[in-house]
Each structure stands twice: as structure tokens, then as C-alpha cells.
Amino acid sequence: MKSIVTVVSLIVAVLWTTSSFAAQAQPRYPVDPQTRWAIGAKLKPADELKKEIDAGRMMIIDVRAAASFEKETIPSAINIPLAELEGHLKKMSKETYIVFT
């Protein structure tokens, strides 16, 4: 009887671990399979981005971990780690263009 409980416990542990890894592997946001960009993402030349940022109509969000952001980032970017992004997006103005890096 003890060996049956042990085997069942091992199976449950393996299934739980496998499902945790599968959940982490799936993208949080829809991605175009050909370009691997977020669906709806648009390209813009750097000079156009700078004009938008200078005019206050655009925000750059660096989604890396804080330690990486502190080492190097784009001037005027703010840091919101990817894991925290969803909660912040709901609070942002719909009128502001957002660039992710």
C-alpha cells in the first residue's frame, strides 16, 4: 500500500511540474508566427520615434528585469518588467503610443 501511495505521489508531482513548464512556455500576448512580433505591432523609423517622444505623445517601456535596465537602457525609457506589464497597461492613457524594448 505504501508503494502505491509513493507511485501516485510521484505521478502527481511529474504532472504538476510538466503543466507549470508548459504554462511558462506559452506567450502572454498574441504573436505573429512569421515575424514573431506582437500582433498589431508596427515599425517606425527612429527619427519619427524621437519626434513623438519629444512631443510627449510616446512612451518607451523597457520590459527587462530591473538589474538589466539599470546597467543600460534607452534615454527616457521607463522600466516595467514583463511580468508586471499587464497591470500597468490598464492604467495608461489610450492616447499615448507605447514602444516596448
PDB file of N, CA and C in Angstrom:
ATOM      1  N   MET A   1       0.822  -1.194   0.000  1.00  0.00           N
ATOM      2  CA  MET A   1       0.000   0.000   0.000  1.00  0.00           C
ATOM      3  C   MET A   1       0.872   1.266   0.000  1.00  0.00           C
ATOM      4  N   LYS A   2       1.957   1.236   0.770  1.00  0.00           N
ATOM      5  CA  LYS A   2       2.852   2.379   0.844  1.00  0.00           C
ATOM      6  C   LYS A   2       3.479   2.662  -0.517  1.00  0.00           C
ATOM      7  N   SER A   3       3.798   1.615  -1.280  1.00  0.00           N
ATOM      8  CA  SER A   3       4.403   1.817  -2.593  1.00  0.00           C
ATOM      9  C   SER A   3       3.401   2.422  -3.579  1.00  0.00           C
ATOM     10  N   ILE A   4       2.123   2.109  -3.465  1.00  0.00           N
ATOM     11  CA  ILE A   4       1.095   2.696  -4.330  1.00  0.00           C
ATOM     12  C   ILE A   4       0.979   4.195  -4.056  1.00  0.00           C
ATOM     13  N   VAL A   5       0.990   4.572  -2.797  1.00  0.00           N
ATOM     14  CA  VAL A   5       0.924   5.990  -2.428  1.00  0.00           C
ATOM     15  C   VAL A   5       2.152   6.720  -2.965  1.00  0.00           C
ATOM     16  N   THR A   6       3.298   6.114  -2.886  1.00  0.00           N
ATOM     17  CA  THR A   6       4.529   6.721  -3.385  1.00  0.00           C
ATOM     18  C   THR A   6       4.462   6.916  -4.894  1.00  0.00           C
ATOM     19  N   VAL A   7       4.006   5.921  -5.629  1.00  0.00           N
ATOM     20  CA  VAL A   7       3.903   6.000  -7.081  1.00  0.00           C
ATOM     21  C   VAL A   7       2.896   7.083  -7.482  1.00  0.00           C
ATOM     22  N   VAL A   8       1.749   7.118  -6.836  1.00  0.00           N
ATOM     23  CA  VAL A   8       0.735   8.130  -7.137  1.00  0.00           C
ATOM     24  C   VAL A   8       1.292   9.523  -6.841  1.00  0.00           C
ATOM     25  N   SER A   9       1.996   9.672  -5.743  1.00  0.00           N
ATOM     26  CA  SER A   9       2.594  10.966  -5.389  1.00  0.00           C
ATOM     27  C   SER A   9       3.600  11.406  -6.449  1.00  0.00           C
ATOM     28  N   LEU A  10       4.401  10.486  -6.940  1.00  0.00           N
ATOM     29  CA  LEU A  10       5.379  10.808  -7.981  1.00  0.00           C
ATOM     30  C   LEU A  10       4.682  11.220  -9.284  1.00  0.00           C
ATOM     31  N   ILE A  11       3.625  10.525  -9.640  1.00  0.00           N
ATOM     32  CA  ILE A  11       2.884  10.863 -10.860  1.00  0.00           C
ATOM     33  C   ILE A  11       2.284  12.262 -10.738  1.00  0.00           C
ATOM     34  N   VAL A  12       1.689  12.564  -9.602  1.00  0.00           N
ATOM     35  CA  VAL A  12       1.109  13.893  -9.383  1.00  0.00           C
ATOM     36  C   VAL A  12       2.197  14.962  -9.472  1.00  0.00           C
ATOM     37  N   ALA A  13       3.346  14.701  -8.875  1.00  0.00           N
ATOM     38  CA  ALA A  13       4.447  15.672  -8.902  1.00  0.00           C
ATOM     39  C   ALA A  13       4.933  15.910 -10.332  1.00  0.00           C
ATOM     40  N   VAL A  14       5.057  14.851 -11.116  1.00  0.00           N
ATOM     41  CA  VAL A  14       5.512  14.979 -12.507  1.00  0.00           C
ATOM     42  C   VAL A  14       4.493  15.749 -13.329  1.00  0.00           C
ATOM     43  N   LEU A  15       3.221  15.444 -13.178  1.00  0.00           N
ATOM     44  CA  LEU A  15       2.183  16.146 -13.928  1.00  0.00           C
ATOM     45  C   LEU A  15       2.128  17.622 -13.551  1.00  0.00           C
ATOM     46  N   TRP A  16       2.250  17.939 -12.289  1.00  0.00           N
ATOM     47  CA  TRP A  16       2.217  19.325 -11.832  1.00  0.00           C
ATOM     48  C   TRP A  16       3.409  20.096 -12.402  1.00  0.00           C
ATOM     49  N   THR A  17       4.602  19.495 -12.360  1.00  0.00           N
ATOM     50  CA  THR A  17       5.803  20.145 -12.882  1.00  0.00           C
ATOM     51  C   THR A  17       5.687  20.360 -14.382  1.00  0.00           C
ATOM     52  N   THR A  18       5.212  19.365 -15.099  1.00  0.00           N
ATOM     53  CA  THR A  18       5.065  19.472 -16.545  1.00  0.00           C
ATOM     54  C   THR A  18       4.081  20.572 -16.915  1.00  0.00           C
ATOM     55  N   SER A  19       2.967  20.658 -16.224  1.00  0.00           N
ATOM     56  CA  SER A  19       1.987  21.701 -16.541  1.00  0.00           C
ATOM     57  C   SER A  19       2.526  23.081 -16.214  1.00  0.00           C
ATOM     58  N   SER A  20       3.363  23.211 -15.189  1.00  0.00           N
ATOM     59  CA  SER A  20       3.963  24.506 -14.844  1.00  0.00           C
ATOM     60  C   SER A  20       4.891  24.973 -15.955  1.00  0.00           C
ATOM     61  N   PHE A  21       5.713  24.060 -16.482  1.00  0.00           N
ATOM     62  CA  PHE A  21       6.626  24.419 -17.566  1.00  0.00           C
ATOM     63  C   PHE A  21       5.865  24.764 -18.835  1.00  0.00           C
ATOM     64  N   ALA A  22       4.802  24.061 -19.128  1.00  0.00           N
ATOM     65  CA  ALA A  22       4.010  24.340 -20.327  1.00  0.00           C
ATOM     66  C   ALA A  22       3.368  25.715 -20.238  1.00  0.00           C
ATOM     67  N   ALA A  23       2.892  26.092 -19.075  1.00  0.00           N
ATOM     68  CA  ALA A  23       2.262  27.406 -18.902  1.00  0.00           C
ATOM     69  C   ALA A  23       3.276  28.517 -19.097  1.00  0.00           C
ATOM     70  N   GLN A  24       4.510  28.316 -18.657  1.00  0.00           N
ATOM     71  CA  GLN A  24       5.539  29.335 -18.801  1.00  0.00           C
ATOM     72  C   GLN A  24       5.990  29.485 -20.245  1.00  0.00           C
ATOM     73  N   ALA A  25       5.916  28.424 -21.034  1.00  0.00           N
ATOM     74  CA  ALA A  25       6.405  28.446 -22.402  1.00  0.00           C
ATOM     75  C   ALA A  25       5.462  29.186 -23.351  1.00  0.00           C
ATOM     76  N   GLN A  26       4.201  29.323 -23.014  1.00  0.00           N
ATOM     77  CA  GLN A  26       3.246  29.972 -23.894  1.00  0.00           C
ATOM     78  C   GLN A  26       3.368  31.486 -23.787  1.00  0.00           C
ATOM     79  N   PRO A  27       3.341  32.198 -24.942  1.00  0.00           N
ATOM     80  CA  PRO A  27       3.442  33.656 -24.886  1.00  0.00           C
ATOM     81  C   PRO A  27       2.212  34.262 -24.220  1.00  0.00           C
ATOM     82  N   ARG A  28       2.433  35.363 -23.498  1.00  0.00           N
ATOM     83  CA  ARG A  28       1.334  36.046 -22.817  1.00  0.00           C
ATOM     84  C   ARG A  28       0.490  36.855 -23.783  1.00  0.00           C
ATOM     85  N   TYR A  29       1.114  37.326 -24.849  1.00  0.00           N
ATOM     86  CA  TYR A  29       0.431  38.171 -25.804  1.00  0.00           C
ATOM     87  C   TYR A  29       0.477  37.486 -27.166  1.00  0.00           C
ATOM     88  N   PRO A  30      -0.559  37.666 -27.994  1.00  0.00           N
ATOM     89  CA  PRO A  30      -0.564  37.000 -29.302  1.00  0.00           C
ATOM     90  C   PRO A  30       0.601  37.470 -30.164  1.00  0.00           C
ATOM     91  N   VAL A  31       1.258  36.520 -30.805  1.00  0.00           N
ATOM     92  CA  VAL A  31       2.446  36.797 -31.598  1.00  0.00           C
ATOM     93  C   VAL A  31       2.225  36.279 -33.017  1.00  0.00           C
ATOM     94  N   ASP A  32       2.652  37.066 -34.006  1.00  0.00           N
ATOM     95  CA  ASP A  32       2.595  36.637 -35.402  1.00  0.00           C
ATOM     96  C   ASP A  32       3.645  35.546 -35.587  1.00  0.00           C
ATOM     97  N   PRO A  33       3.263  34.346 -36.047  1.00  0.00           N
ATOM     98  CA  PRO A  33       4.227  33.250 -36.167  1.00  0.00           C
ATOM     99  C   PRO A  33       5.323  33.513 -37.192  1.00  0.00           C
ATOM    100  N   GLN A  34       5.079  34.355 -38.196  1.00  0.00           N
ATOM    101  CA  GLN A  34       6.098  34.627 -39.205  1.00  0.00           C
ATOM    102  C   GLN A  34       7.121  35.655 -38.725  1.00  0.00           C
ATOM    103  N   THR A  35       6.655  36.764 -38.166  1.00  0.00           N
ATOM    104  CA  THR A  35       7.576  37.827 -37.751  1.00  0.00           C
ATOM    105  C   THR A  35       8.034  37.677 -36.307  1.00  0.00           C
ATOM    106  N   ARG A  36       7.242  36.945 -35.496  1.00  0.00           N
ATOM    107  CA  ARG A  36       7.468  36.781 -34.063  1.00  0.00           C
ATOM    108  C   ARG A  36       7.308  38.096 -33.308  1.00  0.00           C
ATOM    109  N   TRP A  37       6.571  39.053 -33.883  1.00  0.00           N
ATOM    110  CA  TRP A  37       6.250  40.323 -33.235  1.00  0.00           C
ATOM    111  C   TRP A  37       4.853  40.224 -32.654  1.00  0.00           C
ATOM    112  N   ALA A  38       4.574  41.068 -31.703  1.00  0.00           N
ATOM    113  CA  ALA A  38       3.219  41.135 -31.148  1.00  0.00           C
ATOM    114  C   ALA A  38       2.255  41.525 -32.261  1.00  0.00           C
ATOM    115  N   ILE A  39       1.096  40.893 -32.276  1.00  0.00           N
ATOM    116  CA  ILE A  39       0.107  41.204 -33.296  1.00  0.00           C
ATOM    117  C   ILE A  39      -0.331  42.659 -33.112  1.00  0.00           C
ATOM    118  N   GLY A  40      -0.318  43.411 -34.206  1.00  0.00           N
ATOM    119  CA  GLY A  40      -0.660  44.824 -34.169  1.00  0.00           C
ATOM    120  C   GLY A  40       0.559  45.733 -34.067  1.00  0.00           C
ATOM    121  N   ALA A  41       1.751  45.153 -33.835  1.00  0.00           N
ATOM    122  CA  ALA A  41       2.974  45.963 -33.735  1.00  0.00           C
ATOM    123  C   ALA A  41       3.287  46.569 -35.103  1.00  0.00           C
ATOM    124  N   LYS A  42       3.761  47.806 -35.090  1.00  0.00           N
ATOM    125  CA  LYS A  42       4.101  48.500 -36.332  1.00  0.00           C
ATOM    126  C   LYS A  42       5.525  49.032 -36.246  1.00  0.00           C
ATOM    127  N   LEU A  43       6.222  49.016 -37.372  1.00  0.00           N
ATOM    128  CA  LEU A  43       7.567  49.573 -37.448  1.00  0.00           C
ATOM    129  C   LEU A  43       7.499  51.076 -37.656  1.00  0.00           C
ATOM    130  N   LYS A  44       8.439  51.794 -37.029  1.00  0.00           N
ATOM    131  CA  LYS A  44       8.537  53.236 -37.214  1.00  0.00           C
ATOM    132  C   LYS A  44      10.015  53.590 -37.203  1.00  0.00           C
ATOM    133  N   PRO A  45      10.479  54.435 -38.120  1.00  0.00           N
ATOM    134  CA  PRO A  45      11.884  54.843 -38.119  1.00  0.00           C
ATOM    135  C   PRO A  45      12.252  55.576 -36.825  1.00  0.00           C
ATOM    136  N   ALA A  46      13.518  55.491 -36.442  1.00  0.00           N
ATOM    137  CA  ALA A  46      13.990  56.086 -35.187  1.00  0.00           C
ATOM    138  C   ALA A  46      13.740  57.588 -35.117  1.00  0.00           C
ATOM    139  N   ASP A  47      13.918  58.311 -36.234  1.00  0.00           N
ATOM    140  CA  ASP A  47      13.714  59.758 -36.192  1.00  0.00           C
ATOM    141  C   ASP A  47      12.250  60.117 -35.924  1.00  0.00           C
ATOM    142  N   GLU A  48      11.316  59.312 -36.431  1.00  0.00           N
ATOM    143  CA  GLU A  48       9.900  59.544 -36.140  1.00  0.00           C
ATOM    144  C   GLU A  48       9.589  59.251 -34.668  1.00  0.00           C
ATOM    145  N   LEU A  49      10.197  58.189 -34.143  1.00  0.00           N
ATOM    146  CA  LEU A  49      10.008  57.871 -32.722  1.00  0.00           C
ATOM    147  C   LEU A  49      10.498  59.022 -31.843  1.00  0.00           C
ATOM    148  N   LYS A  50      11.667  59.563 -32.172  1.00  0.00           N
ATOM    149  CA  LYS A  50      12.229  60.664 -31.373  1.00  0.00           C
ATOM    150  C   LYS A  50      11.299  61.871 -31.385  1.00  0.00           C
ATOM    151  N   LYS A  51      10.728  62.209 -32.532  1.00  0.00           N
ATOM    152  CA  LYS A  51       9.795  63.341 -32.610  1.00  0.00           C
ATOM    153  C   LYS A  51       8.575  63.098 -31.715  1.00  0.00           C
ATOM    154  N   GLU A  52       8.042  61.894 -31.747  1.00  0.00           N
ATOM    155  CA  GLU A  52       6.868  61.551 -30.931  1.00  0.00           C
ATOM    156  C   GLU A  52       7.200  61.621 -29.440  1.00  0.00           C
ATOM    157  N   ILE A  53       8.376  61.116 -29.060  1.00  0.00           N
ATOM    158  CA  ILE A  53       8.798  61.144 -27.649  1.00  0.00           C
ATOM    159  C   ILE A  53       8.983  62.587 -27.187  1.00  0.00           C
ATOM    160  N   ASP A  54       9.686  63.387 -28.002  1.00  0.00           N
ATOM    161  CA  ASP A  54       9.924  64.790 -27.646  1.00  0.00           C
ATOM    162  C   ASP A  54       8.617  65.572 -27.503  1.00  0.00           C
ATOM    163  N   ALA A  55       7.606  65.200 -28.276  1.00  0.00           N
ATOM    164  CA  ALA A  55       6.313  65.885 -28.217  1.00  0.00           C
ATOM    165  C   ALA A  55       5.443  65.352 -27.078  1.00  0.00           C
ATOM    166  N   GLY A  56       5.901  64.306 -26.377  1.00  0.00           N
ATOM    167  CA  GLY A  56       5.146  63.754 -25.259  1.00  0.00           C
ATOM    168  C   GLY A  56       4.004  62.837 -25.667  1.00  0.00           C
ATOM    169  N   ARG A  57       4.022  62.378 -26.910  1.00  0.00           N
ATOM    170  CA  ARG A  57       2.947  61.505 -27.401  1.00  0.00           C
ATOM    171  C   ARG A  57       3.330  60.033 -27.396  1.00  0.00           C
ATOM    172  N   MET A  58       4.550  59.727 -26.938  1.00  0.00           N
ATOM    173  CA  MET A  58       5.015  58.350 -26.968  1.00  0.00           C
ATOM    174  C   MET A  58       5.810  58.035 -25.711  1.00  0.00           C
ATOM    175  N   MET A  59       5.718  56.787 -25.270  1.00  0.00           N
ATOM    176  CA  MET A  59       6.421  56.321 -24.085  1.00  0.00           C
ATOM    177  C   MET A  59       7.199  55.057 -24.452  1.00  0.00           C
ATOM    178  N   ILE A  60       8.441  54.975 -23.983  1.00  0.00           N
ATOM    179  CA  ILE A  60       9.240  53.772 -24.189  1.00  0.00           C
ATOM    180  C   ILE A  60       9.230  52.983 -22.890  1.00  0.00           C
ATOM    181  N   ILE A  61       8.833  51.720 -22.979  1.00  0.00           N
ATOM    182  CA  ILE A  61       8.816  50.845 -21.812  1.00  0.00           C
ATOM    183  C   ILE A  61       9.827  49.733 -22.023  1.00  0.00           C
ATOM    184  N   ASP A  62      10.790  49.654 -21.127  1.00  0.00           N
ATOM    185  CA  ASP A  62      11.801  48.598 -21.136  1.00  0.00           C
ATOM    186  C   ASP A  62      11.271  47.479 -20.246  1.00  0.00           C
ATOM    187  N   VAL A  63      11.013  46.311 -20.821  1.00  0.00           N
ATOM    188  CA  VAL A  63      10.358  45.229 -20.086  1.00  0.00           C
ATOM    189  C   VAL A  63      11.346  44.236 -19.463  1.00  0.00           C
ATOM    190  N   ARG A  64      12.623  44.552 -19.501  1.00  0.00           N
ATOM    191  CA  ARG A  64      13.613  43.653 -18.894  1.00  0.00           C
ATOM    192  C   ARG A  64      13.602  43.779 -17.368  1.00  0.00           C
ATOM    193  N   ALA A  65      14.320  42.896 -16.728  1.00  0.00           N
ATOM    194  CA  ALA A  65      14.458  42.943 -15.268  1.00  0.00           C
ATOM    195  C   ALA A  65      15.139  44.254 -14.866  1.00  0.00           C
ATOM    196  N   ALA A  66      14.856  44.712 -13.656  1.00  0.00           N
ATOM    197  CA  ALA A  66      15.394  45.982 -13.170  1.00  0.00           C
ATOM    198  C   ALA A  66      16.921  46.033 -13.228  1.00  0.00           C
ATOM    199  N   ALA A  67      17.589  44.928 -12.924  1.00  0.00           N
ATOM    200  CA  ALA A  67      19.059  44.904 -12.939  1.00  0.00           C
ATOM    201  C   ALA A  67      19.598  45.196 -14.342  1.00  0.00           C
ATOM    202  N   SER A  68      18.975  44.647 -15.361  1.00  0.00           N
ATOM    203  CA  SER A  68      19.402  44.899 -16.744  1.00  0.00           C
ATOM    204  C   SER A  68      19.110  46.341 -17.137  1.00  0.00           C
ATOM    205  N   PHE A  69      17.970  46.847 -16.734  1.00  0.00           N
ATOM    206  CA  PHE A  69      17.580  48.230 -17.028  1.00  0.00           C
ATOM    207  C   PHE A  69      18.575  49.211 -16.419  1.00  0.00           C
ATOM    208  N   GLU A  70      19.010  48.940 -15.188  1.00  0.00           N
ATOM    209  CA  GLU A  70      19.941  49.833 -14.501  1.00  0.00           C
ATOM    210  C   GLU A  70      21.306  49.866 -15.184  1.00  0.00           C
ATOM    211  N   LYS A  71      21.704  48.763 -15.809  1.00  0.00           N
ATOM    212  CA  LYS A  71      23.007  48.710 -16.490  1.00  0.00           C
ATOM    213  C   LYS A  71      23.013  49.541 -17.767  1.00  0.00           C
ATOM    214  N   GLU A  72      21.929  49.450 -18.539  1.00  0.00           N
ATOM    215  CA  GLU A  72      21.885  50.151 -19.819  1.00  0.00           C
ATOM    216  C   GLU A  72      20.451  50.185 -20.333  1.00  0.00           C
ATOM    217  N   THR A  73      20.041  51.327 -20.850  1.00  0.00           N
ATOM    218  CA  THR A  73      18.709  51.448 -21.447  1.00  0.00           C
ATOM    219  C   THR A  73      18.674  52.630 -22.397  1.00  0.00           C
ATOM    220  N   ILE A  74      17.573  52.795 -23.065  1.00  0.00           N
ATOM    221  CA  ILE A  74      17.361  53.915 -23.977  1.00  0.00           C
ATOM    222  C   ILE A  74      16.988  55.136 -23.142  1.00  0.00           C
ATOM    223  N   PRO A  75      17.571  56.310 -23.432  1.00  0.00           N
ATOM    224  CA  PRO A  75      17.205  57.510 -22.682  1.00  0.00           C
ATOM    225  C   PRO A  75      15.696  57.758 -22.727  1.00  0.00           C
ATOM    226  N   SER A  76      15.136  58.157 -21.647  1.00  0.00           N
ATOM    227  CA  SER A  76      13.720  58.458 -21.409  1.00  0.00           C
ATOM    228  C   SER A  76      12.838  57.224 -21.254  1.00  0.00           C
ATOM    229  N   ALA A  77      13.415  56.016 -21.338  1.00  0.00           N
ATOM    230  CA  ALA A  77      12.618  54.797 -21.142  1.00  0.00           C
ATOM    231  C   ALA A  77      12.307  54.613 -19.665  1.00  0.00           C
ATOM    232  N   ILE A  78      11.173  53.983 -19.395  1.00  0.00           N
ATOM    233  CA  ILE A  78      10.842  53.603 -18.026  1.00  0.00           C
ATOM    234  C   ILE A  78      10.894  52.079 -17.943  1.00  0.00           C
ATOM    235  N   ASN A  79      11.092  51.568 -16.752  1.00  0.00           N
ATOM    236  CA  ASN A  79      11.201  50.123 -16.569  1.00  0.00           C
ATOM    237  C   ASN A  79       9.935  49.566 -15.944  1.00  0.00           C
ATOM    238  N   ILE A  80       9.296  48.651 -16.678  1.00  0.00           N
ATOM    239  CA  ILE A  80       8.190  47.860 -16.149  1.00  0.00           C
ATOM    240  C   ILE A  80       8.465  46.420 -16.575  1.00  0.00           C
ATOM    241  N   PRO A  81       8.951  45.581 -15.664  1.00  0.00           N
ATOM    242  CA  PRO A  81       9.246  44.193 -16.041  1.00  0.00           C
ATOM    243  C   PRO A  81       8.035  43.516 -16.675  1.00  0.00           C
ATOM    244  N   LEU A  82       8.291  42.642 -17.624  1.00  0.00           N
ATOM    245  CA  LEU A  82       7.237  41.993 -18.395  1.00  0.00           C
ATOM    246  C   LEU A  82       6.179  41.343 -17.509  1.00  0.00           C
ATOM    247  N   ALA A  83       6.598  40.741 -16.409  1.00  0.00           N
ATOM    248  CA  ALA A  83       5.646  40.068 -15.516  1.00  0.00           C
ATOM    249  C   ALA A  83       4.640  41.050 -14.905  1.00  0.00           C
ATOM    250  N   GLU A  84       4.997  42.341 -14.815  1.00  0.00           N
ATOM    251  CA  GLU A  84       4.131  43.352 -14.211  1.00  0.00           C
ATOM    252  C   GLU A  84       3.400  44.212 -15.245  1.00  0.00           C
ATOM    253  N   LEU A  85       3.690  44.000 -16.523  1.00  0.00           N
ATOM    254  CA  LEU A  85       3.214  44.884 -17.572  1.00  0.00           C
ATOM    255  C   LEU A  85       1.698  44.949 -17.675  1.00  0.00           C
ATOM    256  N   GLU A  86       1.025  43.834 -17.622  1.00  0.00           N
ATOM    257  CA  GLU A  86      -0.421  43.806 -17.843  1.00  0.00           C
ATOM    258  C   GLU A  86      -1.180  44.743 -16.904  1.00  0.00           C
ATOM    259  N   GLY A  87      -0.815  44.752 -15.629  1.00  0.00           N
ATOM    260  CA  GLY A  87      -1.481  45.622 -14.668  1.00  0.00           C
ATOM    261  C   GLY A  87      -1.251  47.096 -14.954  1.00  0.00           C
ATOM    262  N   HIS A  88      -0.072  47.446 -15.449  1.00  0.00           N
ATOM    263  CA  HIS A  88       0.240  48.842 -15.751  1.00  0.00           C
ATOM    264  C   HIS A  88      -0.446  49.328 -17.018  1.00  0.00           C
ATOM    265  N   LEU A  89      -0.594  48.454 -18.003  1.00  0.00           N
ATOM    266  CA  LEU A  89      -1.201  48.867 -19.272  1.00  0.00           C
ATOM    267  C   LEU A  89      -2.631  49.344 -19.087  1.00  0.00           C
ATOM    268  N   LYS A  90      -3.341  48.750 -18.153  1.00  0.00           N
ATOM    269  CA  LYS A  90      -4.735  49.135 -17.921  1.00  0.00           C
ATOM    270  C   LYS A  90      -4.855  50.569 -17.408  1.00  0.00           C
ATOM    271  N   LYS A  91      -3.782  51.077 -16.773  1.00  0.00           N
ATOM    272  CA  LYS A  91      -3.803  52.416 -16.183  1.00  0.00           C
ATOM    273  C   LYS A  91      -3.325  53.496 -17.152  1.00  0.00           C
ATOM    274  N   MET A  92      -2.729  53.100 -18.274  1.00  0.00           N
ATOM    275  CA  MET A  92      -2.129  54.073 -19.191  1.00  0.00           C
ATOM    276  C   MET A  92      -3.156  54.660 -20.146  1.00  0.00           C
ATOM    277  N   SER A  93      -2.902  55.894 -20.541  1.00  0.00           N
ATOM    278  CA  SER A  93      -3.785  56.595 -21.470  1.00  0.00           C
ATOM    279  C   SER A  93      -3.812  55.878 -22.816  1.00  0.00           C
ATOM    280  N   LYS A  94      -4.983  55.775 -23.376  1.00  0.00           N
ATOM    281  CA  LYS A  94      -5.136  55.150 -24.695  1.00  0.00           C
ATOM    282  C   LYS A  94      -4.614  56.078 -25.798  1.00  0.00           C
ATOM    283  N   GLU A  95      -4.374  57.343 -25.456  1.00  0.00           N
ATOM    284  CA  GLU A  95      -3.889  58.330 -26.428  1.00  0.00           C
ATOM    285  C   GLU A  95      -2.372  58.288 -26.597  1.00  0.00           C
ATOM    286  N   THR A  96      -1.658  57.602 -25.718  1.00  0.00           N
ATOM    287  CA  THR A  96      -0.204  57.550 -25.758  1.00  0.00           C
ATOM    288  C   THR A  96       0.253  56.320 -26.529  1.00  0.00           C
ATOM    289  N   TYR A  97       1.148  56.532 -27.505  1.00  0.00           N
ATOM    290  CA  TYR A  97       1.758  55.413 -28.210  1.00  0.00           C
ATOM    291  C   TYR A  97       2.809  54.810 -27.283  1.00  0.00           C
ATOM    292  N   ILE A  98       2.906  53.505 -27.275  1.00  0.00           N
ATOM    293  CA  ILE A  98       3.852  52.835 -26.394  1.00  0.00           C
ATOM    294  C   ILE A  98       4.810  52.007 -27.237  1.00  0.00           C
ATOM    295  N   VAL A  99       6.100  52.160 -26.961  1.00  0.00           N
ATOM    296  CA  VAL A  99       7.154  51.392 -27.621  1.00  0.00           C
ATOM    297  C   VAL A  99       7.765  50.481 -26.574  1.00  0.00           C
ATOM    298  N   PHE A 100       7.836  49.202 -26.889  1.00  0.00           N
ATOM    299  CA  PHE A 100       8.422  48.235 -25.951  1.00  0.00           C
ATOM    300  C   PHE A 100       9.810  47.846 -26.417  1.00  0.00           C
ATOM    301  N   THR A 101      10.699  47.725 -25.451  1.00  0.00           N
ATOM    302  CA  THR A 101      12.048  47.281 -25.750  1.00  0.00           C
ATOM    303  C   THR A 101      12.505  46.294 -24.704  1.00  0.00           C
TER     304      THR A 101
END
